[in-house]
Protein backbone atom coordinates (compact mmCIF):
# COMPACT_ATOMS: atom_id res chain seq x y z
CA UNK A 1 31.45 -55.89 -141.39
CA UNK A 2 34.98 -55.91 -140.20
CA UNK A 3 36.11 -58.16 -142.86
CA UNK A 4 34.29 -55.55 -145.10
CA UNK A 5 35.90 -52.68 -143.13
CA UNK A 6 39.57 -54.27 -143.34
CA UNK A 7 38.92 -55.01 -147.22
CA UNK A 8 38.13 -51.38 -148.26
CA UNK A 9 41.31 -50.21 -145.95
CA UNK A 10 43.47 -52.18 -147.56
CA UNK A 11 42.31 -51.06 -151.10
CA UNK A 12 42.67 -47.91 -149.95
CA UNK A 13 46.41 -48.21 -148.50
CA UNK A 14 47.25 -50.07 -151.48
CA UNK A 15 46.07 -47.48 -153.98
CA UNK A 16 48.35 -44.94 -151.78
CA UNK A 17 51.57 -47.25 -151.77
CA UNK A 18 51.01 -47.05 -155.42
CA UNK A 19 50.40 -43.49 -156.00
CA UNK A 20 52.87 -42.78 -153.37
CA UNK A 21 56.00 -44.01 -154.57
CA UNK A 22 55.23 -42.80 -158.27
CA UNK A 23 54.40 -39.36 -157.47
CA UNK A 24 57.66 -39.21 -154.63
CA UNK A 25 59.67 -40.33 -157.91
CA UNK A 26 58.41 -38.06 -159.93
CA UNK A 27 58.82 -35.22 -157.88
CA UNK A 28 62.02 -36.42 -156.49
CA UNK A 29 62.97 -36.88 -160.59
CA UNK A 30 62.18 -33.03 -161.13
CA UNK A 31 64.16 -32.03 -157.43
CA UNK A 32 67.15 -33.70 -158.37
CA UNK A 33 66.87 -32.61 -162.58
CA UNK A 34 66.65 -29.02 -161.04
CA UNK A 35 68.95 -29.52 -158.43
CA UNK A 36 71.68 -30.80 -161.12
CA UNK A 37 71.09 -28.18 -163.84
CA UNK A 38 71.72 -25.58 -160.92
CA UNK A 39 74.90 -27.44 -160.02
CA UNK A 40 76.04 -27.07 -163.52
CA UNK A 41 75.01 -23.48 -163.44
CA UNK A 42 76.53 -22.73 -160.49
CA UNK A 43 80.01 -24.13 -162.01
CA UNK A 44 80.29 -21.71 -164.79
CA UNK A 45 79.39 -19.01 -162.38
CA UNK A 46 82.48 -20.07 -160.98
CA UNK A 47 84.26 -20.36 -163.99
CA UNK A 48 83.07 -16.30 -164.75
CA UNK A 49 83.84 -15.19 -161.46
CA UNK A 50 87.62 -16.84 -161.43
CA UNK A 51 88.13 -15.33 -164.91
CA UNK A 52 86.84 -11.95 -163.48
CA UNK A 53 89.21 -12.07 -160.52
CA UNK A 54 92.00 -12.87 -162.63
CA UNK A 55 91.47 -9.55 -164.76
CA UNK A 56 91.24 -7.25 -161.72
CA UNK A 57 93.93 -8.69 -160.11
CA UNK A 58 95.93 -8.34 -163.37
CA UNK A 59 94.94 -4.64 -163.76
CA UNK A 60 95.28 -3.82 -159.96
CA UNK A 61 99.51 -5.29 -160.59
CA UNK A 62 99.25 -3.15 -163.47
CA UNK A 63 97.83 0.41 -161.46
CA UNK A 64 100.32 -0.65 -158.79
CA UNK A 65 103.19 -1.11 -161.06
CA UNK A 66 102.77 2.50 -162.60
CA UNK A 67 102.13 4.38 -159.03
CA UNK A 68 105.70 2.82 -158.46
CA UNK A 69 107.75 4.59 -160.94
CA UNK A 70 109.91 7.37 -160.03
CA UNK A 71 109.51 8.89 -163.56
CA UNK A 72 108.47 12.55 -163.98
CA UNK A 73 105.00 12.11 -164.90
CA UNK A 74 104.03 12.09 -168.74
CA UNK A 75 107.74 12.37 -169.86
CA UNK A 76 108.99 10.31 -172.60
CA UNK A 77 110.32 8.00 -170.24
CA UNK A 78 107.30 7.85 -168.04
CA UNK A 79 104.49 7.24 -171.51
CA UNK A 80 106.90 4.36 -172.25
CA UNK A 81 106.88 2.27 -169.24
CA UNK A 82 102.69 2.93 -169.29
CA UNK A 83 103.04 1.88 -173.07
CA UNK A 84 105.38 -1.17 -171.68
CA UNK A 85 102.69 -1.65 -168.93
CA UNK A 86 100.00 -1.60 -170.85
CA UNK A 87 101.67 -4.24 -173.69
CA UNK A 88 102.16 -6.86 -170.94
CA UNK A 89 99.26 -6.68 -168.97
CA UNK A 90 96.23 -8.73 -171.48
CA UNK A 91 93.55 -7.76 -168.84
CA UNK A 92 93.85 -4.17 -169.47
CA UNK A 93 93.41 -1.92 -173.06
CA UNK A 94 95.17 1.18 -171.60
CA UNK A 95 96.48 3.07 -168.83
CA UNK A 96 96.68 6.97 -168.24
CA UNK A 97 98.06 9.24 -165.66
CA UNK A 98 95.61 11.83 -163.78
CA UNK A 99 96.40 14.82 -162.11
CA UNK A 100 93.87 17.69 -161.01
CA UNK A 101 91.11 15.81 -162.52
CA UNK A 102 92.19 16.00 -165.74
CA UNK A 103 93.73 13.08 -168.03
CA UNK A 104 97.43 14.07 -168.54
CA UNK A 105 98.25 11.31 -170.69
CA UNK A 106 98.04 7.57 -171.88
CA UNK A 107 100.28 4.80 -172.95
CA UNK A 108 99.63 6.16 -176.30
CA UNK A 109 101.08 9.63 -175.30
CA UNK A 110 100.54 13.26 -174.04
CA UNK A 111 96.75 14.10 -173.71
CA UNK A 112 96.43 17.62 -176.10
CA UNK A 113 92.64 17.42 -175.12
CA UNK A 114 91.01 18.52 -172.07
CA UNK A 115 89.28 15.39 -170.46
CA UNK A 116 87.99 15.63 -167.04
CA UNK A 117 88.20 12.28 -165.12
CA UNK A 118 85.21 11.77 -162.48
CA UNK A 119 85.62 10.29 -159.21
CA UNK A 120 84.78 6.35 -159.52
CA UNK A 121 81.29 4.72 -158.67
CA UNK A 122 82.38 2.33 -156.56
CA UNK A 123 85.40 1.72 -154.23
CA UNK A 124 86.76 -1.67 -153.83
CA UNK A 125 88.60 -3.51 -150.47
CA UNK A 126 91.67 -2.72 -151.84
CA UNK A 127 91.15 0.90 -152.26
CA UNK A 128 90.99 0.69 -156.34
CA UNK A 129 87.90 2.66 -157.43
CA UNK A 130 85.83 1.20 -160.12
CA UNK A 131 83.80 2.58 -163.07
CA UNK A 132 81.18 0.68 -164.61
CA UNK A 133 80.34 2.68 -167.53
CA UNK A 134 82.98 4.86 -169.03
CA UNK A 135 83.17 5.34 -172.96
CA UNK A 136 86.48 7.13 -174.18
CA UNK A 137 87.40 7.96 -177.35
CA UNK A 138 90.27 5.90 -177.56
CA UNK A 139 87.72 3.04 -177.90
CA UNK A 140 85.57 4.73 -180.40
CA UNK A 141 82.63 4.94 -178.04
CA UNK A 142 82.42 1.19 -177.04
CA UNK A 143 81.44 0.90 -173.31
CA UNK A 144 84.99 0.36 -171.47
CA UNK A 145 85.06 -0.59 -167.63
CA UNK A 146 87.44 1.63 -165.50
CA UNK A 147 89.89 0.90 -162.88
CA UNK A 148 92.02 3.55 -160.88
CA UNK A 149 94.87 4.16 -157.90
CA UNK A 150 96.21 7.03 -157.01
CA UNK A 151 96.64 8.89 -160.38
CA UNK A 152 96.47 6.00 -162.60
CA UNK A 153 93.66 4.34 -164.42
CA UNK A 154 93.32 1.66 -166.33
CA UNK A 155 90.58 0.65 -168.79
CA UNK A 156 89.27 -3.10 -169.14
CA UNK A 157 87.30 -4.12 -171.94
CA UNK A 158 83.86 -5.62 -170.19
CA UNK A 159 84.34 -9.07 -171.85
CA UNK A 160 87.21 -9.66 -169.84
CA UNK A 161 85.12 -10.52 -166.96
CA UNK A 162 82.53 -12.83 -169.03
CA UNK A 163 84.93 -14.56 -171.06
CA UNK A 164 83.82 -18.07 -170.26
CA UNK A 165 82.39 -20.23 -172.78
CA UNK A 166 78.62 -21.50 -172.41
CA UNK A 167 75.53 -22.53 -174.19
CA UNK A 168 73.53 -19.78 -176.08
CA UNK A 169 70.66 -20.18 -174.30
CA UNK A 170 72.47 -19.69 -171.03
CA UNK A 171 72.45 -15.77 -169.81
CA UNK A 172 74.81 -14.74 -167.49
CA UNK A 173 76.18 -11.39 -165.44
CA UNK A 174 78.63 -10.65 -163.53
CA UNK A 175 78.50 -7.92 -161.36
CA UNK A 176 80.16 -5.83 -158.07
CA UNK A 177 77.89 -4.86 -155.34
CA UNK A 178 74.27 -4.46 -155.87
CA UNK A 179 73.23 -3.22 -159.57
CA UNK A 180 77.04 -2.60 -160.08
CA UNK A 181 77.27 -4.80 -163.69
CA UNK A 182 81.08 -5.06 -164.86
CA UNK A 183 79.24 -7.22 -167.90
CA UNK A 184 76.66 -9.74 -169.22
CA UNK A 185 76.29 -12.19 -171.89
CA UNK A 186 73.61 -13.64 -174.17
CA UNK A 187 71.42 -10.61 -172.89
CA UNK A 188 69.88 -11.57 -170.23
CA UNK A 189 66.69 -9.30 -168.56
CA UNK A 190 68.50 -6.49 -166.84
CA UNK A 191 65.44 -6.00 -164.54
CA UNK A 192 65.51 -9.83 -163.64
CA UNK A 193 69.19 -9.45 -163.04
CA UNK A 194 68.81 -6.57 -160.99
CA UNK A 195 66.14 -8.16 -158.77
CA UNK A 196 68.43 -11.15 -158.54
CA UNK A 197 70.90 -8.48 -157.27
CA UNK A 198 68.93 -6.76 -155.00
CA UNK A 199 67.62 -10.27 -153.33
CA UNK A 200 71.58 -11.92 -153.25
CA UNK A 201 71.69 -12.21 -149.50
CA UNK A 202 69.73 -15.43 -149.88
CA UNK A 203 73.15 -16.70 -151.97
CA UNK A 204 71.05 -19.51 -152.86
CA UNK A 205 69.47 -20.98 -156.39
CA UNK A 206 66.06 -19.44 -157.37
CA UNK A 207 63.73 -20.92 -159.12
CA UNK A 208 60.93 -19.03 -161.54
CA UNK A 209 58.46 -21.00 -163.51
CA UNK A 210 59.97 -19.95 -167.01
CA UNK A 211 63.56 -20.40 -166.16
CA UNK A 212 66.32 -21.50 -163.63
CA UNK A 213 68.61 -19.19 -161.89
CA UNK A 214 72.02 -20.11 -160.23
CA UNK A 215 73.83 -16.94 -158.11
CA UNK A 216 77.72 -17.63 -156.65
CA UNK A 217 79.07 -14.75 -154.55
CA UNK A 218 82.76 -14.57 -154.02
CA UNK A 219 85.23 -11.95 -152.80
CA UNK A 220 82.63 -9.39 -153.59
CA UNK A 221 81.65 -10.65 -156.96
CA UNK A 222 78.65 -11.91 -157.97
CA UNK A 223 78.28 -13.80 -161.25
CA UNK A 224 74.33 -14.68 -162.12
CA UNK A 225 73.12 -17.67 -164.71
CA UNK A 226 69.95 -17.98 -166.07
CA UNK A 227 68.57 -20.62 -167.69
CA UNK A 228 65.53 -21.48 -169.99
CA UNK A 229 63.54 -24.20 -167.44
CA UNK A 230 62.94 -25.99 -171.09
CA UNK A 231 66.57 -27.18 -170.91
CA UNK A 232 65.28 -29.35 -167.86
CA UNK A 233 63.81 -31.79 -170.41
CA UNK A 234 66.54 -33.93 -171.26
CA UNK A 235 67.82 -34.33 -167.53
CA UNK A 236 64.59 -34.90 -166.27
CA UNK A 237 64.16 -37.82 -168.55
CA UNK A 238 67.40 -39.55 -167.40
CA UNK A 239 66.59 -39.00 -163.67
CA UNK A 240 62.82 -40.12 -164.39
CA UNK A 241 64.30 -43.67 -166.27
CA UNK A 242 66.84 -43.55 -163.03
CA UNK A 243 64.27 -43.20 -160.34
CA UNK A 244 60.49 -44.18 -161.91
CA UNK A 245 61.92 -47.91 -161.63
CA UNK A 246 62.72 -47.72 -158.25
CA UNK A 247 59.46 -46.17 -157.89
CA UNK A 248 57.40 -49.47 -159.04
CA UNK A 249 59.26 -51.49 -156.96
CA UNK A 250 58.62 -49.58 -153.79
CA UNK A 251 55.34 -49.59 -155.11
CA UNK A 252 54.87 -53.25 -156.00
CA UNK A 253 56.51 -53.86 -152.41
CA UNK A 254 54.04 -51.88 -150.30
CA UNK A 255 50.73 -53.82 -152.16
CA UNK A 256 52.72 -57.06 -151.16
CA UNK A 257 52.92 -56.06 -147.59
CA UNK A 258 49.26 -54.66 -147.92
CA UNK A 259 48.38 -57.72 -149.38
CA UNK A 260 49.92 -59.93 -147.04
CA UNK A 261 49.03 -58.08 -143.77
CA UNK A 262 45.48 -58.04 -144.98
CA UNK A 263 45.16 -61.73 -145.26
CA UNK A 264 47.21 -62.38 -142.22
CA UNK A 265 44.64 -60.37 -140.09
CA UNK A 266 41.40 -61.67 -141.95
CA UNK A 267 42.47 -65.27 -141.36
CA UNK A 268 44.08 -64.42 -137.77
CA UNK A 269 41.02 -63.31 -136.58
CA UNK A 270 38.88 -66.19 -137.56
CA UNK A 271 42.01 -68.68 -136.34
CA UNK A 272 41.26 -66.71 -132.91
CA UNK A 273 37.29 -67.07 -132.84
CA UNK A 274 37.72 -70.52 -133.00
CA UNK A 275 40.91 -70.44 -131.07
CA UNK A 276 38.65 -69.15 -127.99
CA UNK A 277 35.89 -71.34 -128.65
CA UNK A 278 38.87 -74.66 -128.42
CA UNK A 279 40.45 -72.95 -125.33
CA UNK A 280 43.96 -73.03 -127.23
CA UNK A 281 45.18 -70.58 -125.18
CA UNK A 282 47.67 -71.55 -122.12
CA UNK A 283 50.31 -69.31 -119.71
CA UNK A 284 53.78 -69.18 -119.27
CA UNK A 285 55.17 -67.90 -116.11
CA UNK A 286 58.02 -65.01 -116.26
CA UNK A 287 59.81 -65.21 -112.38
CA UNK A 288 59.68 -61.98 -110.23
CA UNK A 289 63.07 -62.04 -108.21
CA UNK A 290 63.07 -59.60 -104.94
CA UNK A 291 66.49 -58.01 -105.75
CA UNK A 292 68.05 -57.74 -102.33
CA UNK A 293 68.00 -61.41 -101.49
CA UNK A 294 67.25 -63.04 -105.11
CA UNK A 295 64.19 -65.03 -103.54
CA UNK A 296 61.34 -65.49 -106.69
CA UNK A 297 58.35 -64.09 -104.91
CA UNK A 298 56.41 -64.54 -107.78
CA UNK A 299 55.83 -64.42 -111.54
CA UNK A 300 54.10 -62.33 -114.33
CA UNK A 301 51.04 -64.65 -116.16
CA UNK A 302 51.80 -64.28 -119.70
CA UNK A 303 49.71 -65.61 -122.20
CA UNK A 304 50.39 -68.22 -125.38
CA UNK A 305 48.78 -69.38 -128.46
CA UNK A 306 49.67 -72.44 -129.98
CA UNK A 307 47.96 -73.64 -133.07
CA UNK A 308 46.49 -77.01 -133.52
CA UNK A 309 49.57 -77.83 -135.87
CA UNK A 310 51.70 -76.76 -133.08
CA UNK A 311 52.86 -73.48 -134.46
CA UNK A 312 53.33 -70.98 -131.76
CA UNK A 313 51.77 -67.09 -132.12
CA UNK A 314 53.77 -64.35 -130.74
CA UNK A 315 51.33 -62.14 -128.25
CA UNK A 316 52.19 -58.98 -129.89
CA UNK A 317 50.81 -60.26 -133.18
CA UNK A 318 47.74 -61.64 -131.82
CA UNK A 319 46.72 -59.23 -128.77
CA UNK A 320 45.70 -56.47 -130.96
CA UNK A 321 43.51 -58.47 -133.22
CA UNK A 322 41.62 -59.89 -129.82
CA UNK A 323 41.58 -56.48 -128.73
CA UNK A 324 40.07 -54.90 -132.15
CA UNK A 325 38.04 -58.35 -132.19
CA UNK A 326 36.59 -58.02 -128.51
CA UNK A 327 38.14 -61.36 -127.87
CA UNK A 328 40.63 -60.30 -125.43
CA UNK A 329 37.77 -60.73 -122.54
CA UNK A 330 37.42 -64.18 -123.11
CA UNK A 331 41.04 -64.94 -123.62
CA UNK A 332 41.80 -62.88 -119.90
CA UNK A 333 39.30 -65.27 -118.29
CA UNK A 334 41.01 -68.48 -119.59
CA UNK A 335 44.34 -67.11 -118.53
CA UNK A 336 42.58 -66.46 -114.97
CA UNK A 337 41.55 -69.90 -114.94
CA UNK A 338 45.08 -71.27 -116.03
CA UNK A 339 46.46 -69.58 -113.28
CA UNK A 340 44.39 -71.28 -110.39
CA UNK A 341 44.93 -74.47 -112.34
CA UNK A 342 48.28 -74.01 -112.54
CA UNK A 343 49.67 -72.79 -109.23
CA UNK A 344 47.06 -73.23 -106.47
CA UNK A 345 49.11 -75.58 -104.78
CA UNK A 346 52.20 -73.58 -104.82
CA UNK A 347 49.75 -70.36 -103.61
CA UNK A 348 48.39 -72.70 -100.68
CA UNK A 349 51.79 -73.45 -100.05
CA UNK A 350 52.97 -70.17 -99.77
CA UNK A 351 50.96 -67.31 -98.86
CA UNK A 352 53.61 -65.06 -100.01
CA UNK A 353 53.96 -66.07 -103.24
CA UNK A 354 52.17 -64.02 -106.19
CA UNK A 355 50.90 -64.22 -109.68
CA UNK A 356 50.41 -60.87 -111.84
CA UNK A 357 47.58 -61.03 -114.27
CA UNK A 358 47.72 -58.56 -117.22
CA UNK A 359 44.58 -56.56 -117.80
CA UNK A 360 43.20 -55.33 -120.86
CA UNK A 361 41.92 -51.64 -121.03
CA UNK A 362 38.52 -52.69 -121.09
CA UNK A 363 38.50 -54.32 -118.08
CA UNK A 364 40.50 -51.21 -115.89
CA UNK A 365 37.27 -49.52 -117.49
CA UNK A 366 34.51 -51.26 -117.06
CA UNK A 367 35.59 -53.10 -113.77
CA UNK A 368 34.02 -56.77 -115.44
CA UNK A 369 37.45 -59.00 -114.33
CA UNK A 370 36.91 -58.25 -110.88
CA UNK A 371 33.98 -60.47 -110.96
CA UNK A 372 35.98 -62.85 -113.25
CA UNK A 373 37.87 -63.31 -110.35
CA UNK A 374 35.93 -63.44 -107.41
CA UNK A 375 33.84 -66.27 -109.08
CA UNK A 376 37.25 -67.93 -110.06
CA UNK A 377 39.25 -67.95 -106.77
CA UNK A 378 35.71 -69.14 -104.78
CA UNK A 379 36.32 -72.32 -102.97
CA UNK A 380 40.21 -72.31 -104.37
CA UNK A 381 41.69 -71.17 -101.01
CA UNK A 382 43.79 -68.95 -102.98
CA UNK A 383 43.51 -65.55 -101.34
CA UNK A 384 42.94 -62.12 -103.07
CA UNK A 385 46.32 -60.74 -102.39
CA UNK A 386 48.20 -63.35 -103.46
CA UNK A 387 46.62 -62.16 -107.00
CA UNK A 388 48.29 -59.26 -109.00
CA UNK A 389 46.43 -57.08 -111.30
CA UNK A 390 48.22 -55.01 -113.94
CA UNK A 391 47.62 -52.77 -116.80
CA UNK A 392 49.36 -50.99 -119.44
CA UNK A 393 48.79 -47.35 -119.42
CA UNK A 394 46.55 -47.32 -122.47
CA UNK A 395 44.02 -49.12 -119.34
CA UNK A 396 43.92 -45.19 -117.36
CA UNK A 397 43.18 -43.23 -119.83
CA UNK A 398 39.70 -42.61 -118.37
CA UNK A 399 41.34 -41.91 -115.08
CA UNK A 400 37.56 -41.72 -113.25
CA UNK A 401 36.58 -45.19 -114.31
CA UNK A 402 40.29 -46.59 -113.80
CA UNK A 403 40.21 -45.28 -110.23
CA UNK A 404 36.93 -46.62 -109.03
CA UNK A 405 38.40 -50.22 -110.63
CA UNK A 406 41.36 -49.71 -108.85
CA UNK A 407 39.50 -48.85 -105.32
CA UNK A 408 37.78 -52.26 -106.14
CA UNK A 409 40.18 -54.17 -106.27
CA UNK A 410 42.39 -52.99 -103.66
CA UNK A 411 39.59 -53.22 -101.60
CA UNK A 412 38.58 -56.94 -102.35
CA UNK A 413 42.50 -57.83 -101.58
CA UNK A 414 44.24 -56.99 -104.71
CA UNK A 415 47.32 -55.27 -105.64
CA UNK A 416 47.42 -52.91 -108.36
CA UNK A 417 50.31 -52.32 -110.80
CA UNK A 418 50.89 -50.16 -113.92
CA UNK A 419 52.72 -52.05 -116.53
CA UNK A 420 55.47 -50.55 -119.07
CA UNK A 421 55.14 -47.43 -117.36
CA UNK A 422 56.84 -44.31 -119.74
CA UNK A 423 55.98 -45.64 -122.96
CA UNK A 424 52.18 -44.36 -122.79
CA UNK A 425 49.90 -41.67 -121.96
CA UNK A 426 50.54 -41.61 -117.90
CA UNK A 427 51.67 -38.42 -116.38
CA UNK A 428 52.24 -37.61 -112.71
CA UNK A 429 49.37 -35.99 -112.43
CA UNK A 430 47.08 -38.75 -113.40
CA UNK A 431 49.46 -41.51 -111.15
CA UNK A 432 49.12 -39.17 -107.99
CA UNK A 433 44.92 -39.93 -108.98
CA UNK A 434 45.06 -43.46 -109.16
CA UNK A 435 45.68 -45.67 -105.77
CA UNK A 436 48.46 -48.10 -107.39
CA UNK A 437 50.30 -50.45 -105.60
CA UNK A 438 53.09 -50.69 -107.85
CA UNK A 439 54.62 -49.57 -110.80
CA UNK A 440 56.84 -51.45 -113.58
CA UNK A 441 59.68 -50.17 -115.49
CA UNK A 442 59.86 -50.66 -118.80
CA UNK A 443 62.44 -52.95 -120.65
CA UNK A 444 63.20 -50.01 -122.91
CA UNK A 445 64.29 -47.89 -119.99
CA UNK A 446 66.34 -50.69 -118.48
CA UNK A 447 68.22 -51.33 -121.36
CA UNK A 448 69.64 -47.71 -121.43
CA UNK A 449 71.44 -48.29 -118.09
CA UNK A 450 75.34 -47.91 -118.13
CA UNK A 451 74.86 -46.42 -121.85
CA UNK A 452 74.66 -43.31 -123.03
CA UNK A 453 71.39 -43.31 -124.72
CA UNK A 454 69.10 -40.34 -124.59
CA UNK A 455 66.71 -41.96 -122.44
CA UNK A 456 69.12 -43.18 -119.67
CA UNK A 457 68.77 -40.42 -117.50
CA UNK A 458 65.00 -41.63 -117.67
CA UNK A 459 65.00 -44.67 -114.96
CA UNK A 460 66.12 -42.87 -112.03
CA UNK A 461 63.62 -40.45 -112.42
CA UNK A 462 61.05 -43.15 -112.63
CA UNK A 463 61.98 -44.49 -109.60
CA UNK A 464 62.23 -41.49 -107.90
CA UNK A 465 58.51 -41.02 -109.01
CA UNK A 466 57.35 -44.24 -107.46
CA UNK A 467 59.48 -43.20 -104.53
CA UNK A 468 57.22 -40.07 -103.97
CA UNK A 469 54.22 -42.05 -104.47
CA UNK A 470 54.98 -44.71 -102.18
CA UNK A 471 54.83 -47.57 -104.72
CA UNK A 472 56.76 -50.82 -105.29
CA UNK A 473 58.98 -50.95 -107.93
CA UNK A 474 59.59 -53.93 -110.65
CA UNK A 475 62.02 -53.28 -113.40
CA UNK A 476 61.31 -55.39 -116.46
CA UNK A 477 64.12 -56.98 -118.67
CA UNK A 478 66.54 -57.41 -116.90
CA UNK A 479 69.31 -59.13 -118.83
CA UNK A 480 73.09 -58.11 -117.29
CA UNK A 481 74.06 -57.98 -113.98
CA UNK A 482 75.07 -54.16 -114.06
CA UNK A 483 71.67 -53.33 -114.74
CA UNK A 484 70.35 -55.54 -111.79
CA UNK A 485 73.20 -54.04 -109.75
CA UNK A 486 72.03 -50.11 -110.83
CA UNK A 487 68.78 -51.34 -109.65
CA UNK A 488 69.76 -52.64 -106.64
CA UNK A 489 71.72 -49.65 -105.53
CA UNK A 490 68.92 -47.49 -106.10
CA UNK A 491 66.59 -49.88 -103.60
CA UNK A 492 64.16 -50.90 -106.40
CA UNK A 493 62.49 -53.94 -104.71
CA UNK A 494 61.71 -56.49 -107.79
CA UNK A 495 63.15 -57.34 -111.17
CA UNK A 496 62.46 -59.79 -113.87
CA UNK A 497 64.41 -60.63 -117.03
CA UNK A 498 66.29 -63.07 -118.65
CA UNK A 499 69.19 -62.58 -116.42
CA UNK A 500 67.01 -64.60 -113.86
CA UNK A 501 64.68 -66.26 -116.28
CA UNK A 502 62.92 -66.39 -119.51
CA UNK A 503 59.04 -66.65 -118.82
CA UNK A 504 58.65 -70.87 -118.59
CA UNK A 505 55.76 -73.33 -118.57
CA UNK A 506 53.97 -74.09 -115.15
CA UNK A 507 55.92 -77.13 -114.37
CA UNK A 508 59.34 -75.53 -114.77
CA UNK A 509 58.44 -72.33 -113.54
CA UNK A 510 57.19 -74.14 -109.96
CA UNK A 511 60.56 -76.03 -110.56
CA UNK A 512 62.78 -72.75 -110.58
CA UNK A 513 60.54 -71.31 -107.96
CA UNK A 514 61.53 -73.86 -105.56
CA UNK A 515 65.26 -73.57 -106.22
CA UNK A 516 64.83 -70.09 -105.31
CA UNK A 517 62.07 -69.25 -102.72
CA UNK A 518 62.68 -67.97 -99.46
CA UNK A 519 64.38 -70.49 -96.62
CA UNK A 520 61.40 -70.15 -94.23
CA UNK A 521 58.93 -71.14 -96.98
CA UNK A 522 57.24 -74.36 -96.18
């Protein structure tokens, strides 16, 4: 049944592993194509704004030049200067002098007709007025844009604001303020332009099912670019040619990993069942050191598995499989048997020595292992307090069941520790409800000692928490003297790690222990 479940799961994951990268490749192709086209539109919008700003700046200089003239208004000399300004300023078509709301003269001469000049539609930041829709006689009724300053007004052909070379299917509008369109190119939809200008606070790229829009705002002017979405097809094909092969490679890689893992898990489970039957497991011992004296006070029993061909399988590979296959319980029983066989003489010789055995979540929840331990220790002379029990935080999810097991274990004389604290599910409230004897600080927190890592401040909090609950502390994974000194300074009682010794075979551990035991030990 489990084999069938793994196969079905593997097939589903493989299908997802193919579909996801290809879907991602298509999606990214579309996004990149649209972003690339919008970037091109923004570039064209930048050209348009640059052109519009130059036109306004040039017209503004013409107005200021006229305003600086010290001549009698509309005199022959004044008109000649207006004509010179008009001729030398490419961005304007005419310039006129206004007095009491009436146009008195222009660069072409005195104005004989009574022409009223209305106030400007919009005032720029520099104080100049702007008219969007003038249709003077001099232009033959053609729409012109007016720019005024004090007594002078210039006429600007709107094409000056959109004089940019773009594809025929790209539409453009250059505007000032909301709705103040200076000019357009290729006849964009006025309603769409107004909608975009009204919402230009977003200042980003806008998408529509039929078209792509890009907007650029600079110094009071806004350029709106509109392009049919159909223009994306060529760029989209280029992006797909680039990304789809990568998606196929990723899909092939994922499928390969799924097949490899599936075979490994299926074969590993079968091998585990055989290994349990053949009792292929043995134990290495990670010394536990009293940090204040350097004395070896015990060890943590760590399961090891050697295949018949001599190859070693890492615990992080086979233990999860053993838990899923419900083989972890007989494996724990073999660990107990190994500890008693390996360490009985040393435990009888030194009653202060202890060996810590790791328990799975099931054993903590059911308490089954306590009876196994009791039977295994019977007649050996080993005292219960010399066998410590350790469980990771997963074993304490069911707090009530865990409390019952811990209380029963302590009543029989065993000390109980929480292992790898801080990496699982425990909280201060759950710890307060569990009668634990010791807390083990996970290596991941010890590694941050003396660094600027984000979790470097967690270790002192864990130590303080353990102190509050009157628990012994064992720090795992100590690799440097700096870490050991830090922990000793904070009165952490015990430590283990490569600074002292790696996990050792039984004989090597006993040699290490004899060299590091307390002087008073027999």
